[in-house]
Amino acid sequence: MHPASLTVIDLQPEMDGVNQYKNIPLTLVNDHVVRLSVMTEPFYWHYHPNSDETFLVLEGTLCIDLEGRTVELTPGQLFSIPAYVAHCTRPKDGRTVNITFELADIQTVKTA
């Protein structure tokens, strides 16, 4: 993925009417990727050995299950998970839309 330089990226068409899981890369920033994620179901328990991961919620409530606690994020809230920390992300009420920031060559290891 190599978006054109100095290009406006319109998120709304990527979000409108989407009622199933969708995860698309939007742009690269140095060695990181910015993704748009529409979540309609839980993502499995996993961790990333080579990258932190940051979530910014645009719509809905995103639950991030960690060992021993759950973090709930609402629109405008941001949360970072360090590398090697196991987590499971899921929408609270049917659908959430998020921006994620992570290493472009991120590795994902399923834990359960």
PDB file of N, CA and C in Angstrom:
ATOM      1  N   MET A   1       0.842  -1.171   0.000  1.00  0.00           N
ATOM      2  CA  MET A   1       0.000   0.000   0.000  1.00  0.00           C
ATOM      3  C   MET A   1       0.887   1.234   0.000  1.00  0.00           C
ATOM      4  N   HIS A   2       0.707   2.070  -0.986  1.00  0.00           N
ATOM      5  CA  HIS A   2       1.436   3.325  -1.072  1.00  0.00           C
ATOM      6  C   HIS A   2       0.482   4.418  -1.529  1.00  0.00           C
ATOM      7  N   PRO A   3      -0.247   5.035  -0.566  1.00  0.00           N
ATOM      8  CA  PRO A   3      -1.175   6.086  -0.965  1.00  0.00           C
ATOM      9  C   PRO A   3      -0.420   7.274  -1.549  1.00  0.00           C
ATOM     10  N   ALA A   4      -1.064   7.959  -2.452  1.00  0.00           N
ATOM     11  CA  ALA A   4      -0.447   9.125  -3.076  1.00  0.00           C
ATOM     12  C   ALA A   4      -0.158  10.181  -2.021  1.00  0.00           C
ATOM     13  N   SER A   5       0.962  10.845  -2.159  1.00  0.00           N
ATOM     14  CA  SER A   5       1.328  11.907  -1.224  1.00  0.00           C
ATOM     15  C   SER A   5       0.322  13.043  -1.297  1.00  0.00           C
ATOM     16  N   LEU A   6       0.109  13.678  -0.175  1.00  0.00           N
ATOM     17  CA  LEU A   6      -0.753  14.856  -0.091  1.00  0.00           C
ATOM     18  C   LEU A   6      -2.158  14.592  -0.613  1.00  0.00           C
ATOM     19  N   THR A   7      -2.698  13.412  -0.277  1.00  0.00           N
ATOM     20  CA  THR A   7      -4.034  13.013  -0.700  1.00  0.00           C
ATOM     21  C   THR A   7      -4.982  13.016   0.489  1.00  0.00           C
ATOM     22  N   VAL A   8      -6.164  13.596   0.312  1.00  0.00           N
ATOM     23  CA  VAL A   8      -7.197  13.554   1.341  1.00  0.00           C
ATOM     24  C   VAL A   8      -7.837  12.166   1.306  1.00  0.00           C
ATOM     25  N   ILE A   9      -7.943  11.531   2.475  1.00  0.00           N
ATOM     26  CA  ILE A   9      -8.569  10.218   2.576  1.00  0.00           C
ATOM     27  C   ILE A   9      -9.906  10.407   3.278  1.00  0.00           C
ATOM     28  N   ASP A  10     -10.989  10.099   2.589  1.00  0.00           N
ATOM     29  CA  ASP A  10     -12.335  10.262   3.135  1.00  0.00           C
ATOM     30  C   ASP A  10     -12.770   8.952   3.789  1.00  0.00           C
ATOM     31  N   LEU A  11     -12.920   8.966   5.101  1.00  0.00           N
ATOM     32  CA  LEU A  11     -13.273   7.760   5.841  1.00  0.00           C
ATOM     33  C   LEU A  11     -14.748   7.397   5.725  1.00  0.00           C
ATOM     34  N   GLN A  12     -15.604   8.387   5.562  1.00  0.00           N
ATOM     35  CA  GLN A  12     -17.043   8.150   5.605  1.00  0.00           C
ATOM     36  C   GLN A  12     -17.522   7.081   4.624  1.00  0.00           C
ATOM     37  N   PRO A  13     -17.101   7.100   3.355  1.00  0.00           N
ATOM     38  CA  PRO A  13     -17.557   6.044   2.441  1.00  0.00           C
ATOM     39  C   PRO A  13     -17.105   4.642   2.859  1.00  0.00           C
ATOM     40  N   GLU A  14     -15.996   4.547   3.564  1.00  0.00           N
ATOM     41  CA  GLU A  14     -15.495   3.246   4.029  1.00  0.00           C
ATOM     42  C   GLU A  14     -16.293   2.725   5.219  1.00  0.00           C
ATOM     43  N   MET A  15     -16.979   3.643   5.937  1.00  0.00           N
ATOM     44  CA  MET A  15     -17.726   3.276   7.138  1.00  0.00           C
ATOM     45  C   MET A  15     -19.213   3.092   6.868  1.00  0.00           C
ATOM     46  N   ASP A  16     -19.771   3.890   5.970  1.00  0.00           N
ATOM     47  CA  ASP A  16     -21.216   3.922   5.742  1.00  0.00           C
ATOM     48  C   ASP A  16     -21.760   2.568   5.302  1.00  0.00           C
ATOM     49  N   GLY A  17     -22.787   2.113   6.001  1.00  0.00           N
ATOM     50  CA  GLY A  17     -23.492   0.904   5.603  1.00  0.00           C
ATOM     51  C   GLY A  17     -22.740  -0.392   5.794  1.00  0.00           C
ATOM     52  N   VAL A  18     -21.578  -0.360   6.436  1.00  0.00           N
ATOM     53  CA  VAL A  18     -20.794  -1.575   6.639  1.00  0.00           C
ATOM     54  C   VAL A  18     -21.295  -2.274   7.904  1.00  0.00           C
ATOM     55  N   ASN A  19     -21.786  -3.495   7.738  1.00  0.00           N
ATOM     56  CA  ASN A  19     -22.318  -4.254   8.863  1.00  0.00           C
ATOM     57  C   ASN A  19     -21.619  -5.597   9.027  1.00  0.00           C
ATOM     58  N   GLN A  20     -20.386  -5.664   8.568  1.00  0.00           N
ATOM     59  CA  GLN A  20     -19.559  -6.845   8.771  1.00  0.00           C
ATOM     60  C   GLN A  20     -18.134  -6.374   9.019  1.00  0.00           C
ATOM     61  N   TYR A  21     -17.311  -7.266   9.530  1.00  0.00           N
ATOM     62  CA  TYR A  21     -15.934  -6.904   9.852  1.00  0.00           C
ATOM     63  C   TYR A  21     -15.205  -6.379   8.613  1.00  0.00           C
ATOM     64  N   LYS A  22     -14.511  -5.269   8.797  1.00  0.00           N
ATOM     65  CA  LYS A  22     -13.739  -4.661   7.712  1.00  0.00           C
ATOM     66  C   LYS A  22     -12.503  -4.020   8.334  1.00  0.00           C
ATOM     67  N   ASN A  23     -11.334  -4.296   7.769  1.00  0.00           N
ATOM     68  CA  ASN A  23     -10.093  -3.735   8.283  1.00  0.00           C
ATOM     69  C   ASN A  23      -9.244  -3.365   7.076  1.00  0.00           C
ATOM     70  N   ILE A  24      -9.095  -2.075   6.819  1.00  0.00           N
ATOM     71  CA  ILE A  24      -8.366  -1.651   5.623  1.00  0.00           C
ATOM     72  C   ILE A  24      -7.246  -0.674   5.982  1.00  0.00           C
ATOM     73  N   PRO A  25      -6.109  -0.825   5.359  1.00  0.00           N
ATOM     74  CA  PRO A  25      -5.033   0.149   5.550  1.00  0.00           C
ATOM     75  C   PRO A  25      -5.401   1.453   4.833  1.00  0.00           C
ATOM     76  N   LEU A  26      -5.167   2.571   5.520  1.00  0.00           N
ATOM     77  CA  LEU A  26      -5.472   3.883   4.948  1.00  0.00           C
ATOM     78  C   LEU A  26      -4.236   4.584   4.414  1.00  0.00           C
ATOM     79  N   THR A  27      -3.170   4.542   5.216  1.00  0.00           N
ATOM     80  CA  THR A  27      -1.949   5.244   4.826  1.00  0.00           C
ATOM     81  C   THR A  27      -0.774   4.724   5.643  1.00  0.00           C
ATOM     82  N   LEU A  28       0.414   5.017   5.172  1.00  0.00           N
ATOM     83  CA  LEU A  28       1.640   4.699   5.895  1.00  0.00           C
ATOM     84  C   LEU A  28       2.205   5.976   6.498  1.00  0.00           C
ATOM     85  N   VAL A  29       2.737   5.855   7.707  1.00  0.00           N
ATOM     86  CA  VAL A  29       3.431   6.949   8.375  1.00  0.00           C
ATOM     87  C   VAL A  29       4.763   6.386   8.845  1.00  0.00           C
ATOM     88  N   ASN A  30       5.819   6.776   8.165  1.00  0.00           N
ATOM     89  CA  ASN A  30       7.133   6.187   8.413  1.00  0.00           C
ATOM     90  C   ASN A  30       7.028   4.672   8.274  1.00  0.00           C
ATOM     91  N   ASP A  31       7.295   3.915   9.322  1.00  0.00           N
ATOM     92  CA  ASP A  31       7.212   2.452   9.223  1.00  0.00           C
ATOM     93  C   ASP A  31       5.942   1.894   9.873  1.00  0.00           C
ATOM     94  N   HIS A  32       4.936   2.754  10.029  1.00  0.00           N
ATOM     95  CA  HIS A  32       3.670   2.344  10.637  1.00  0.00           C
ATOM     96  C   HIS A  32       2.515   2.484   9.654  1.00  0.00           C
ATOM     97  N   VAL A  33       1.464   1.713   9.923  1.00  0.00           N
ATOM     98  CA  VAL A  33       0.267   1.778   9.099  1.00  0.00           C
ATOM     99  C   VAL A  33      -0.879   2.328   9.955  1.00  0.00           C
ATOM    100  N   VAL A  34      -1.732   3.106   9.311  1.00  0.00           N
ATOM    101  CA  VAL A  34      -2.961   3.596   9.921  1.00  0.00           C
ATOM    102  C   VAL A  34      -4.092   2.829   9.251  1.00  0.00           C
ATOM    103  N   ARG A  35      -4.915   2.150  10.068  1.00  0.00           N
ATOM    104  CA  ARG A  35      -5.994   1.317   9.529  1.00  0.00           C
ATOM    105  C   ARG A  35      -7.351   1.811  10.020  1.00  0.00           C
ATOM    106  N   LEU A  36      -8.366   1.590   9.200  1.00  0.00           N
ATOM    107  CA  LEU A  36      -9.753   1.789   9.595  1.00  0.00           C
ATOM    108  C   LEU A  36     -10.342   0.412   9.837  1.00  0.00           C
ATOM    109  N   SER A  37     -10.955   0.228  10.991  1.00  0.00           N
ATOM    110  CA  SER A  37     -11.538  -1.059  11.329  1.00  0.00           C
ATOM    111  C   SER A  37     -12.999  -0.875  11.714  1.00  0.00           C
ATOM    112  N   VAL A  38     -13.878  -1.578  11.012  1.00  0.00           N
ATOM    113  CA  VAL A  38     -15.279  -1.680  11.408  1.00  0.00           C
ATOM    114  C   VAL A  38     -15.416  -3.051  12.047  1.00  0.00           C
ATOM    115  N   MET A  39     -15.751  -3.070  13.338  1.00  0.00           N
ATOM    116  CA  MET A  39     -15.853  -4.339  14.065  1.00  0.00           C
ATOM    117  C   MET A  39     -17.309  -4.651  14.352  1.00  0.00           C
ATOM    118  N   THR A  40     -17.708  -5.866  14.009  1.00  0.00           N
ATOM    119  CA  THR A  40     -19.061  -6.324  14.292  1.00  0.00           C
ATOM    120  C   THR A  40     -19.060  -7.613  15.112  1.00  0.00           C
ATOM    121  N   GLU A  41     -17.866  -8.107  15.407  1.00  0.00           N
ATOM    122  CA  GLU A  41     -17.719  -9.323  16.199  1.00  0.00           C
ATOM    123  C   GLU A  41     -16.357  -9.286  16.884  1.00  0.00           C
ATOM    124  N   PRO A  42     -16.174 -10.089  17.921  1.00  0.00           N
ATOM    125  CA  PRO A  42     -14.879 -10.094  18.624  1.00  0.00           C
ATOM    126  C   PRO A  42     -13.747 -10.583  17.722  1.00  0.00           C
ATOM    127  N   PHE A  43     -12.564 -10.043  17.954  1.00  0.00           N
ATOM    128  CA  PHE A  43     -11.340 -10.544  17.337  1.00  0.00           C
ATOM    129  C   PHE A  43     -10.689 -11.441  18.382  1.00  0.00           C
ATOM    130  N   TYR A  44     -10.092 -12.520  17.960  1.00  0.00           N
ATOM    131  CA  TYR A  44      -9.564 -13.516  18.889  1.00  0.00           C
ATOM    132  C   TYR A  44      -8.447 -12.943  19.802  1.00  0.00           C
ATOM    133  N   TRP A  45      -8.216 -13.639  20.919  1.00  0.00           N
ATOM    134  CA  TRP A  45      -7.133 -13.278  21.825  1.00  0.00           C
ATOM    135  C   TRP A  45      -5.804 -13.407  21.098  1.00  0.00           C
ATOM    136  N   HIS A  46      -4.959 -12.390  21.255  1.00  0.00           N
ATOM    137  CA  HIS A  46      -3.678 -12.376  20.544  1.00  0.00           C
ATOM    138  C   HIS A  46      -2.738 -11.348  21.182  1.00  0.00           C
ATOM    139  N   TYR A  47      -1.507 -11.351  20.703  1.00  0.00           N
ATOM    140  CA  TYR A  47      -0.546 -10.305  21.066  1.00  0.00           C
ATOM    141  C   TYR A  47       0.346 -10.040  19.862  1.00  0.00           C
ATOM    142  N   HIS A  48       1.084  -8.954  19.934  1.00  0.00           N
ATOM    143  CA  HIS A  48       1.998  -8.568  18.856  1.00  0.00           C
ATOM    144  C   HIS A  48       3.413  -8.482  19.436  1.00  0.00           C
ATOM    145  N   PRO A  49       4.315  -9.385  19.048  1.00  0.00           N
ATOM    146  CA  PRO A  49       5.654  -9.383  19.626  1.00  0.00           C
ATOM    147  C   PRO A  49       6.545  -8.252  19.109  1.00  0.00           C
ATOM    148  N   ASN A  50       6.181  -7.632  18.011  1.00  0.00           N
ATOM    149  CA  ASN A  50       7.082  -6.641  17.419  1.00  0.00           C
ATOM    150  C   ASN A  50       6.476  -5.241  17.297  1.00  0.00           C
ATOM    151  N   SER A  51       5.341  -4.998  17.951  1.00  0.00           N
ATOM    152  CA  SER A  51       4.731  -3.680  17.804  1.00  0.00           C
ATOM    153  C   SER A  51       3.755  -3.371  18.922  1.00  0.00           C
ATOM    154  N   ASP A  52       3.745  -2.117  19.331  1.00  0.00           N
ATOM    155  CA  ASP A  52       2.646  -1.604  20.131  1.00  0.00           C
ATOM    156  C   ASP A  52       1.462  -1.435  19.187  1.00  0.00           C
ATOM    157  N   GLU A  53       0.263  -1.280  19.745  1.00  0.00           N
ATOM    158  CA  GLU A  53      -0.931  -1.051  18.928  1.00  0.00           C
ATOM    159  C   GLU A  53      -1.781   0.001  19.633  1.00  0.00           C
ATOM    160  N   THR A  54      -2.216   0.999  18.874  1.00  0.00           N
ATOM    161  CA  THR A  54      -3.019   2.085  19.434  1.00  0.00           C
ATOM    162  C   THR A  54      -4.370   2.123  18.746  1.00  0.00           C
ATOM    163  N   PHE A  55      -5.413   2.284  19.541  1.00  0.00           N
ATOM    164  CA  PHE A  55      -6.782   2.347  19.044  1.00  0.00           C
ATOM    165  C   PHE A  55      -7.366   3.725  19.326  1.00  0.00           C
ATOM    166  N   LEU A  56      -8.029   4.303  18.335  1.00  0.00           N
ATOM    167  CA  LEU A  56      -8.780   5.547  18.471  1.00  0.00           C
ATOM    168  C   LEU A  56     -10.196   5.254  17.994  1.00  0.00           C
ATOM    169  N   VAL A  57     -11.178   5.416  18.882  1.00  0.00           N
ATOM    170  CA  VAL A  57     -12.566   5.077  18.544  1.00  0.00           C
ATOM    171  C   VAL A  57     -13.240   6.267  17.872  1.00  0.00           C
ATOM    172  N   LEU A  58     -13.905   5.974  16.749  1.00  0.00           N
ATOM    173  CA  LEU A  58     -14.673   6.982  16.024  1.00  0.00           C
ATOM    174  C   LEU A  58     -16.173   6.838  16.261  1.00  0.00           C
ATOM    175  N   GLU A  59     -16.623   5.590  16.441  1.00  0.00           N
ATOM    176  CA  GLU A  59     -18.059   5.308  16.572  1.00  0.00           C
ATOM    177  C   GLU A  59     -18.252   4.080  17.441  1.00  0.00           C
ATOM    178  N   GLY A  60     -19.284   4.096  18.272  1.00  0.00           N
ATOM    179  CA  GLY A  60     -19.607   2.942  19.109  1.00  0.00           C
ATOM    180  C   GLY A  60     -18.707   2.853  20.323  1.00  0.00           C
ATOM    181  N   THR A  61     -18.763   1.705  20.978  1.00  0.00           N
ATOM    182  CA  THR A  61     -17.924   1.432  22.150  1.00  0.00           C
ATOM    183  C   THR A  61     -17.068   0.212  21.855  1.00  0.00           C
ATOM    184  N   LEU A  62     -15.755   0.389  21.951  1.00  0.00           N
ATOM    185  CA  LEU A  62     -14.805  -0.702  21.758  1.00  0.00           C
ATOM    186  C   LEU A  62     -14.380  -1.233  23.114  1.00  0.00           C
ATOM    187  N   CYS A  63     -14.572  -2.535  23.314  1.00  0.00           N
ATOM    188  CA  CYS A  63     -14.085  -3.190  24.528  1.00  0.00           C
ATOM    189  C   CYS A  63     -12.755  -3.856  24.204  1.00  0.00           C
ATOM    190  N   ILE A  64     -11.777  -3.607  25.044  1.00  0.00           N
ATOM    191  CA  ILE A  64     -10.479  -4.252  24.912  1.00  0.00           C
ATOM    192  C   ILE A  64     -10.278  -5.082  26.175  1.00  0.00           C
ATOM    193  N   ASP A  65     -10.381  -6.395  26.012  1.00  0.00           N
ATOM    194  CA  ASP A  65     -10.180  -7.307  27.127  1.00  0.00           C
ATOM    195  C   ASP A  65      -8.688  -7.545  27.292  1.00  0.00           C
ATOM    196  N   LEU A  66      -8.227  -7.358  28.510  1.00  0.00           N
ATOM    197  CA  LEU A  66      -6.850  -7.628  28.895  1.00  0.00           C
ATOM    198  C   LEU A  66      -6.907  -8.671  30.005  1.00  0.00           C
ATOM    199  N   GLU A  67      -5.795  -9.258  30.345  1.00  0.00           N
ATOM    200  CA  GLU A  67      -5.805 -10.199  31.462  1.00  0.00           C
ATOM    201  C   GLU A  67      -6.147  -9.430  32.734  1.00  0.00           C
ATOM    202  N   GLY A  68      -7.288  -9.747  33.324  1.00  0.00           N
ATOM    203  CA  GLY A  68      -7.672  -9.138  34.588  1.00  0.00           C
ATOM    204  C   GLY A  68      -8.547  -7.897  34.500  1.00  0.00           C
ATOM    205  N   ARG A  69      -8.770  -7.347  33.314  1.00  0.00           N
ATOM    206  CA  ARG A  69      -9.646  -6.173  33.218  1.00  0.00           C
ATOM    207  C   ARG A  69     -10.083  -5.925  31.775  1.00  0.00           C
ATOM    208  N   THR A  70     -11.126  -5.116  31.645  1.00  0.00           N
ATOM    209  CA  THR A  70     -11.623  -4.703  30.345  1.00  0.00           C
ATOM    210  C   THR A  70     -11.637  -3.188  30.293  1.00  0.00           C
ATOM    211  N   VAL A  71     -11.117  -2.639  29.208  1.00  0.00           N
ATOM    212  CA  VAL A  71     -11.137  -1.197  28.968  1.00  0.00           C
ATOM    213  C   VAL A  71     -12.230  -0.936  27.940  1.00  0.00           C
ATOM    214  N   GLU A  72     -13.102   0.034  28.232  1.00  0.00           N
ATOM    215  CA  GLU A  72     -14.143   0.427  27.289  1.00  0.00           C
ATOM    216  C   GLU A  72     -13.833   1.818  26.763  1.00  0.00           C
ATOM    217  N   LEU A  73     -13.733   1.922  25.436  1.00  0.00           N
ATOM    218  CA  LEU A  73     -13.429   3.199  24.798  1.00  0.00           C
ATOM    219  C   LEU A  73     -14.635   3.683  24.009  1.00  0.00           C
ATOM    220  N   THR A  74     -14.926   4.965  24.112  1.00  0.00           N
ATOM    221  CA  THR A  74     -16.014   5.583  23.364  1.00  0.00           C
ATOM    222  C   THR A  74     -15.422   6.606  22.392  1.00  0.00           C
ATOM    223  N   PRO A  75     -16.228   7.140  21.483  1.00  0.00           N
ATOM    224  CA  PRO A  75     -15.690   8.054  20.467  1.00  0.00           C
ATOM    225  C   PRO A  75     -14.821   9.174  21.054  1.00  0.00           C
ATOM    226  N   GLY A  76     -13.659   9.331  20.432  1.00  0.00           N
ATOM    227  CA  GLY A  76     -12.707  10.347  20.862  1.00  0.00           C
ATOM    228  C   GLY A  76     -11.694   9.861  21.874  1.00  0.00           C
ATOM    229  N   GLN A  77     -11.820   8.607  22.316  1.00  0.00           N
ATOM    230  CA  GLN A  77     -10.864   8.060  23.286  1.00  0.00           C
ATOM    231  C   GLN A  77      -9.831   7.195  22.581  1.00  0.00           C
ATOM    232  N   LEU A  78      -8.610   7.236  23.113  1.00  0.00           N
ATOM    233  CA  LEU A  78      -7.466   6.545  22.535  1.00  0.00           C
ATOM    234  C   LEU A  78      -6.816   5.696  23.613  1.00  0.00           C
ATOM    235  N   PHE A  79      -6.327   4.502  23.228  1.00  0.00           N
ATOM    236  CA  PHE A  79      -5.699   3.593  24.183  1.00  0.00           C
ATOM    237  C   PHE A  79      -4.599   2.824  23.464  1.00  0.00           C
ATOM    238  N   SER A  80      -3.441   2.685  24.105  1.00  0.00           N
ATOM    239  CA  SER A  80      -2.311   1.961  23.517  1.00  0.00           C
ATOM    240  C   SER A  80      -2.022   0.688  24.292  1.00  0.00           C
ATOM    241  N   ILE A  81      -1.690  -0.353  23.549  1.00  0.00           N
ATOM    242  CA  ILE A  81      -1.335  -1.646  24.119  1.00  0.00           C
ATOM    243  C   ILE A  81       0.113  -1.929  23.752  1.00  0.00           C
ATOM    244  N   PRO A  82       0.973  -2.120  24.736  1.00  0.00           N
ATOM    245  CA  PRO A  82       2.380  -2.413  24.440  1.00  0.00           C
ATOM    246  C   PRO A  82       2.551  -3.784  23.780  1.00  0.00           C
ATOM    247  N   ALA A  83       3.638  -3.947  23.075  1.00  0.00           N
ATOM    248  CA  ALA A  83       3.984  -5.242  22.491  1.00  0.00           C
ATOM    249  C   ALA A  83       3.971  -6.314  23.581  1.00  0.00           C
ATOM    250  N   TYR A  84       3.621  -7.507  23.215  1.00  0.00           N
ATOM    251  CA  TYR A  84       3.584  -8.698  24.060  1.00  0.00           C
ATOM    252  C   TYR A  84       2.407  -8.753  25.034  1.00  0.00           C
ATOM    253  N   VAL A  85       1.546  -7.757  25.066  1.00  0.00           N
ATOM    254  CA  VAL A  85       0.401  -7.790  25.969  1.00  0.00           C
ATOM    255  C   VAL A  85      -0.779  -8.441  25.242  1.00  0.00           C
ATOM    256  N   ALA A  86      -1.247  -9.568  25.780  1.00  0.00           N
ATOM    257  CA  ALA A  86      -2.380 -10.279  25.180  1.00  0.00           C
ATOM    258  C   ALA A  86      -3.650  -9.458  25.341  1.00  0.00           C
ATOM    259  N   HIS A  87      -4.456  -9.445  24.282  1.00  0.00           N
ATOM    260  CA  HIS A  87      -5.700  -8.689  24.305  1.00  0.00           C
ATOM    261  C   HIS A  87      -6.706  -9.263  23.311  1.00  0.00           C
ATOM    262  N   CYS A  88      -7.959  -8.900  23.524  1.00  0.00           N
ATOM    263  CA  CYS A  88      -9.054  -9.281  22.641  1.00  0.00           C
ATOM    264  C   CYS A  88      -9.920  -8.039  22.471  1.00  0.00           C
ATOM    265  N   THR A  89     -10.190  -7.647  21.235  1.00  0.00           N
ATOM    266  CA  THR A  89     -11.014  -6.472  20.981  1.00  0.00           C
ATOM    267  C   THR A  89     -12.394  -6.923  20.508  1.00  0.00           C
ATOM    268  N   ARG A  90     -13.427  -6.132  20.902  1.00  0.00           N
ATOM    269  CA  ARG A  90     -14.793  -6.477  20.508  1.00  0.00           C
ATOM    270  C   ARG A  90     -15.689  -5.251  20.613  1.00  0.00           C
ATOM    271  N   PRO A  91     -16.724  -5.200  19.776  1.00  0.00           N
ATOM    272  CA  PRO A  91     -17.680  -4.104  19.903  1.00  0.00           C
ATOM    273  C   PRO A  91     -18.617  -4.386  21.073  1.00  0.00           C
ATOM    274  N   LYS A  92     -19.018  -3.346  21.776  1.00  0.00           N
ATOM    275  CA  LYS A  92     -19.924  -3.545  22.908  1.00  0.00           C
ATOM    276  C   LYS A  92     -21.358  -3.755  22.443  1.00  0.00           C
ATOM    277  N   ASP A  93     -21.795  -2.975  21.502  1.00  0.00           N
ATOM    278  CA  ASP A  93     -23.201  -3.033  21.076  1.00  0.00           C
ATOM    279  C   ASP A  93     -23.327  -3.162  19.571  1.00  0.00           C
ATOM    280  N   GLY A  94     -22.822  -4.242  19.019  1.00  0.00           N
ATOM    281  CA  GLY A  94     -23.048  -4.535  17.615  1.00  0.00           C
ATOM    282  C   GLY A  94     -22.008  -4.038  16.640  1.00  0.00           C
ATOM    283  N   ARG A  95     -21.541  -2.781  16.786  1.00  0.00           N
ATOM    284  CA  ARG A  95     -20.598  -2.237  15.800  1.00  0.00           C
ATOM    285  C   ARG A  95     -19.778  -1.119  16.429  1.00  0.00           C
ATOM    286  N   THR A  96     -18.521  -1.101  16.079  1.00  0.00           N
ATOM    287  CA  THR A  96     -17.645  -0.001  16.454  1.00  0.00           C
ATOM    288  C   THR A  96     -16.734   0.299  15.271  1.00  0.00           C
ATOM    289  N   VAL A  97     -16.353   1.560  15.143  1.00  0.00           N
ATOM    290  CA  VAL A  97     -15.440   1.977  14.086  1.00  0.00           C
ATOM    291  C   VAL A  97     -14.228   2.604  14.757  1.00  0.00           C
ATOM    292  N   ASN A  98     -13.045   2.121  14.370  1.00  0.00           N
ATOM    293  CA  ASN A  98     -11.806   2.535  15.032  1.00  0.00           C
ATOM    294  C   ASN A  98     -10.720   2.826  14.014  1.00  0.00           C
ATOM    295  N   ILE A  99      -9.791   3.646  14.440  1.00  0.00           N
ATOM    296  CA  ILE A  99      -8.542   3.829  13.727  1.00  0.00           C
ATOM    297  C   ILE A  99      -7.487   3.109  14.565  1.00  0.00           C
ATOM    298  N   THR A 100      -6.642   2.313  13.918  1.00  0.00           N
ATOM    299  CA  THR A 100      -5.533   1.680  14.626  1.00  0.00           C
ATOM    300  C   THR A 100      -4.217   2.129  14.014  1.00  0.00           C
ATOM    301  N   PHE A 101      -3.226   2.244  14.874  1.00  0.00           N
ATOM    302  CA  PHE A 101      -1.871   2.626  14.482  1.00  0.00           C
ATOM    303  C   PHE A 101      -0.952   1.504  14.934  1.00  0.00           C
ATOM    304  N   GLU A 102      -0.188   0.946  14.001  1.00  0.00           N
ATOM    305  CA  GLU A 102       0.692  -0.177  14.344  1.00  0.00           C
ATOM    306  C   GLU A 102       1.811  -0.282  13.316  1.00  0.00           C
ATOM    307  N   LEU A 103       2.837  -1.028  13.659  1.00  0.00           N
ATOM    308  CA  LEU A 103       3.938  -1.266  12.742  1.00  0.00           C
ATOM    309  C   LEU A 103       3.401  -1.884  11.449  1.00  0.00           C
ATOM    310  N   ALA A 104       3.867  -1.417  10.321  1.00  0.00           N
ATOM    311  CA  ALA A 104       3.365  -1.927   9.042  1.00  0.00           C
ATOM    312  C   ALA A 104       3.587  -3.432   8.901  1.00  0.00           C
ATOM    313  N   ASP A 105       4.688  -3.943   9.431  1.00  0.00           N
ATOM    314  CA  ASP A 105       4.991  -5.376   9.367  1.00  0.00           C
ATOM    315  C   ASP A 105       4.655  -6.068  10.687  1.00  0.00           C
ATOM    316  N   ILE A 106       3.524  -5.691  11.276  1.00  0.00           N
ATOM    317  CA  ILE A 106       3.142  -6.233  12.575  1.00  0.00           C
ATOM    318  C   ILE A 106       2.940  -7.752  12.498  1.00  0.00           C
ATOM    319  N   GLN A 107       3.363  -8.426  13.546  1.00  0.00           N
ATOM    320  CA  GLN A 107       3.163  -9.864  13.674  1.00  0.00           C
ATOM    321  C   GLN A 107       2.058 -10.084  14.699  1.00  0.00           C
ATOM    322  N   THR A 108       1.155 -11.000  14.420  1.00  0.00           N
ATOM    323  CA  THR A 108       0.056 -11.314  15.322  1.00  0.00           C
ATOM    324  C   THR A 108       0.159 -12.779  15.723  1.00  0.00           C
ATOM    325  N   VAL A 109       0.157 -13.015  17.036  1.00  0.00           N
ATOM    326  CA  VAL A 109       0.237 -14.367  17.574  1.00  0.00           C
ATOM    327  C   VAL A 109      -1.048 -14.675  18.316  1.00  0.00           C
ATOM    328  N   LYS A 110      -1.786 -15.676  17.843  1.00  0.00           N
ATOM    329  CA  LYS A 110      -3.047 -16.095  18.478  1.00  0.00           C
ATOM    330  C   LYS A 110      -2.725 -16.821  19.772  1.00  0.00           C
ATOM    331  N   THR A 111      -3.460 -16.483  20.862  1.00  0.00           N
ATOM    332  CA  THR A 111      -3.156 -17.077  22.158  1.00  0.00           C
ATOM    333  C   THR A 111      -4.212 -18.055  22.631  1.00  0.00           C
ATOM    334  N   ALA A 112      -5.410 -17.989  22.126  1.00  0.00           N
ATOM    335  CA  ALA A 112      -6.471 -18.905  22.597  1.00  0.00           C
ATOM    336  C   ALA A 112      -7.325 -19.375  21.453  1.00  0.00           C
TER     337      ALA A 112
END
